[in-house]
C-alpha atoms as a PDB file:
ATOM      1  CA  MET A   1      15.718  18.234   4.762  1.00  0.00           C
ATOM      2  CA  VAL A   2      16.018  15.128   2.638  1.00  0.00           C
ATOM      3  CA  ASN A   3      13.240  14.525   0.164  1.00  0.00           C
ATOM      4  CA  ASN A   4      13.169  10.812  -0.583  1.00  0.00           C
ATOM      5  CA  HIS A   5      11.015   9.345  -3.280  1.00  0.00           C
ATOM      6  CA  CYS A   6      10.658   5.673  -3.923  1.00  0.00           C
ATOM      7  CA  HIS A   7       8.109   3.146  -5.134  1.00  0.00           C
ATOM      8  CA  ALA A   8       7.454  -0.565  -5.009  1.00  0.00           C
ATOM      9  CA  GLN A   9       5.152  -2.953  -6.866  1.00  0.00           C
ATOM     10  CA  PHE A  10       3.557  -6.019  -5.200  1.00  0.00           C
ATOM     11  CA  ILE A  11       1.331  -8.845  -6.260  1.00  0.00           C
ATOM     12  CA  ILE A  12      -1.444  -9.329  -3.697  1.00  0.00           C
ATOM     13  CA  ARG A  13      -1.488 -12.924  -2.471  1.00  0.00           C
ATOM     14  CA  ASN A  14      -4.300 -12.729   0.131  1.00  0.00           C
ATOM     15  CA  GLU A  15      -6.964 -15.202  -0.767  1.00  0.00           C
ATOM     16  CA  ASN A  16      -9.748 -12.641  -0.696  1.00  0.00           C
ATOM     17  CA  GLY A  17      -7.636  -9.680  -1.815  1.00  0.00           C
ATOM     18  CA  LEU A  18      -7.538  -6.486   0.162  1.00  0.00           C
ATOM     19  CA  HIS A  19     -10.793  -6.576   1.882  1.00  0.00           C
ATOM     20  CA  ALA A  20     -11.467  -4.705   5.179  1.00  0.00           C
ATOM     21  CA  ARG A  21      -9.154  -6.634   7.560  1.00  0.00           C
ATOM     22  CA  PRO A  22      -5.967  -6.750   5.443  1.00  0.00           C
ATOM     23  CA  GLY A  23      -6.789  -3.328   4.096  1.00  0.00           C
ATOM     24  CA  ALA A  24      -6.890  -1.912   7.616  1.00  0.00           C
ATOM     25  CA  THR A  25      -3.566  -3.533   8.360  1.00  0.00           C
ATOM     26  CA  PHE A  26      -2.175  -2.003   5.132  1.00  0.00           C
ATOM     27  CA  VAL A  27      -3.392   1.511   6.134  1.00  0.00           C
ATOM     28  CA  SER A  28      -2.405   1.239   9.866  1.00  0.00           C
ATOM     29  CA  THR A  29       1.119   0.142   8.729  1.00  0.00           C
ATOM     30  CA  LEU A  30       1.506   3.437   6.920  1.00  0.00           C
ATOM     31  CA  LYS A  31      -0.196   5.847   9.340  1.00  0.00           C
ATOM     32  CA  PRO A  32       2.800   6.410  11.654  1.00  0.00           C
ATOM     33  CA  PHE A  33       4.959   7.661   8.762  1.00  0.00           C
ATOM     34  CA  THR A  34       5.049  11.325   7.763  1.00  0.00           C
ATOM     35  CA  CYS A  35       5.744  10.647   4.129  1.00  0.00           C
ATOM     36  CA  SER A  36       3.023  10.835   1.441  1.00  0.00           C
ATOM     37  CA  VAL A  37       1.940   7.423   0.262  1.00  0.00           C
ATOM     38  CA  THR A  38      -0.225   6.693  -2.801  1.00  0.00           C
ATOM     39  CA  VAL A  39      -1.315   3.406  -4.331  1.00  0.00           C
ATOM     40  CA  ALA A  40      -2.739   2.289  -7.705  1.00  0.00           C
ATOM     41  CA  ASN A  41      -4.165  -1.073  -8.771  1.00  0.00           C
ATOM     42  CA  LEU A  42      -2.181  -1.738 -11.977  1.00  0.00           C
ATOM     43  CA  SER A  43      -4.359  -4.660 -12.825  1.00  0.00           C
ATOM     44  CA  ARG A  44      -7.294  -2.405 -13.290  1.00  0.00           C
ATOM     45  CA  GLY A  45      -5.479   0.675 -14.556  1.00  0.00           C
ATOM     46  CA  ASP A  46      -6.729   2.781 -11.640  1.00  0.00           C
ATOM     47  CA  LYS A  47      -5.483   6.168 -10.714  1.00  0.00           C
ATOM     48  CA  PHE A  48      -3.391   6.703  -7.586  1.00  0.00           C
ATOM     49  CA  VAL A  49      -5.259   7.181  -4.313  1.00  0.00           C
ATOM     50  CA  ASN A  50      -4.170   8.024  -0.729  1.00  0.00           C
ATOM     51  CA  ALA A  51      -2.791   4.770   0.721  1.00  0.00           C
ATOM     52  CA  LYS A  52      -3.451   6.058   4.305  1.00  0.00           C
ATOM     53  CA  SER A  53      -7.171   6.067   3.705  1.00  0.00           C
ATOM     54  CA  LEU A  54      -9.041   2.739   4.057  1.00  0.00           C
ATOM     55  CA  MET A  55     -12.001   3.987   1.951  1.00  0.00           C
ATOM     56  CA  ALA A  56      -9.648   5.139  -0.854  1.00  0.00           C
ATOM     57  CA  LEU A  57      -7.764   1.818  -0.688  1.00  0.00           C
ATOM     58  CA  MET A  58     -11.136  -0.123  -0.831  1.00  0.00           C
ATOM     59  CA  SER A  59     -12.204   1.833  -3.942  1.00  0.00           C
ATOM     60  CA  LEU A  60      -9.330   0.152  -5.885  1.00  0.00           C
ATOM     61  CA  GLY A  61     -11.018  -3.292  -5.684  1.00  0.00           C
ATOM     62  CA  ILE A  62      -7.722  -5.129  -5.149  1.00  0.00           C
ATOM     63  CA  LYS A  63      -8.226  -8.906  -5.605  1.00  0.00           C
ATOM     64  CA  LYS A  64      -5.934 -11.856  -5.225  1.00  0.00           C
ATOM     65  CA  GLY A  65      -3.262 -11.770  -7.968  1.00  0.00           C
ATOM     66  CA  HIS A  66      -3.631  -8.033  -8.668  1.00  0.00           C
ATOM     67  CA  GLU A  67      -0.497  -5.915  -9.032  1.00  0.00           C
ATOM     68  CA  ILE A  68      -0.309  -2.713  -7.120  1.00  0.00           C
ATOM     69  CA  ARG A  69       2.195   0.134  -7.244  1.00  0.00           C
ATOM     70  CA  VAL A  70       2.814   2.110  -4.132  1.00  0.00           C
ATOM     71  CA  GLU A  71       4.672   5.469  -4.253  1.00  0.00           C
ATOM     72  CA  PHE A  72       6.322   7.038  -1.201  1.00  0.00           C
ATOM     73  CA  GLU A  73       7.540  10.621  -0.915  1.00  0.00           C
ATOM     74  CA  GLY A  74       9.030  12.251   2.142  1.00  0.00           C
ATOM     75  CA  ASP A  75      11.771  11.942   4.764  1.00  0.00           C
ATOM     76  CA  ASP A  76      10.771   8.473   5.950  1.00  0.00           C
ATOM     77  CA  ALA A  77       9.762   7.095   2.566  1.00  0.00           C
ATOM     78  CA  ILE A  78      12.313   4.190   2.419  1.00  0.00           C
ATOM     79  CA  THR A  79      11.496   3.071   5.927  1.00  0.00           C
ATOM     80  CA  ALA A  80       7.760   3.181   5.156  1.00  0.00           C
ATOM     81  CA  MET A  81       8.300   1.186   2.007  1.00  0.00           C
ATOM     82  CA  GLU A  82      10.338  -1.519   3.815  1.00  0.00           C
ATOM     83  CA  ARG A  83       7.725  -1.780   6.620  1.00  0.00           C
ATOM     84  CA  LEU A  84       4.827  -2.207   4.059  1.00  0.00           C
ATOM     85  CA  LYS A  85       6.809  -4.743   2.044  1.00  0.00           C
ATOM     86  CA  SER A  86       7.318  -6.768   5.316  1.00  0.00           C
ATOM     87  CA  GLU A  87       3.578  -6.592   6.146  1.00  0.00           C
ATOM     88  CA  ILE A  88       2.522  -7.661   2.680  1.00  0.00           C
ATOM     89  CA  GLU A  89       4.962 -10.587   2.801  1.00  0.00           C
ATOM     90  CA  LYS A  90       3.477 -11.615   6.126  1.00  0.00           C
ATOM     91  CA  GLY A  91       0.012 -11.559   4.696  1.00  0.00           C
ATOM     92  CA  LEU A  92      -1.301  -8.269   6.170  1.00  0.00           C
ATOM     93  CA  GLY A  93      -2.514  -9.873   9.316  1.00  0.00           C
ATOM     94  CA  GLU A  94      -4.222 -12.986   7.742  1.00  0.00           C
END
């Protein structure tokens, strides 16, 4: 078993930040993956929360221009990171 660990940092460009709609896209992008995924809002100094939970993600209050760090750990970590990067670049459904 390969245990991959990687992370990525993103600046959120969505006009209204990660409200319910783009937040749901963020979470649903990660759900199919078996790896553990956590996220923190670096702009607010928040702790890491489960990135596969919409309620946890919403608790971070991520606004436009905020920088987030996403950590991935597990067999499909790199694939999950690449998929999330692509979705963020496309605007998370907006």
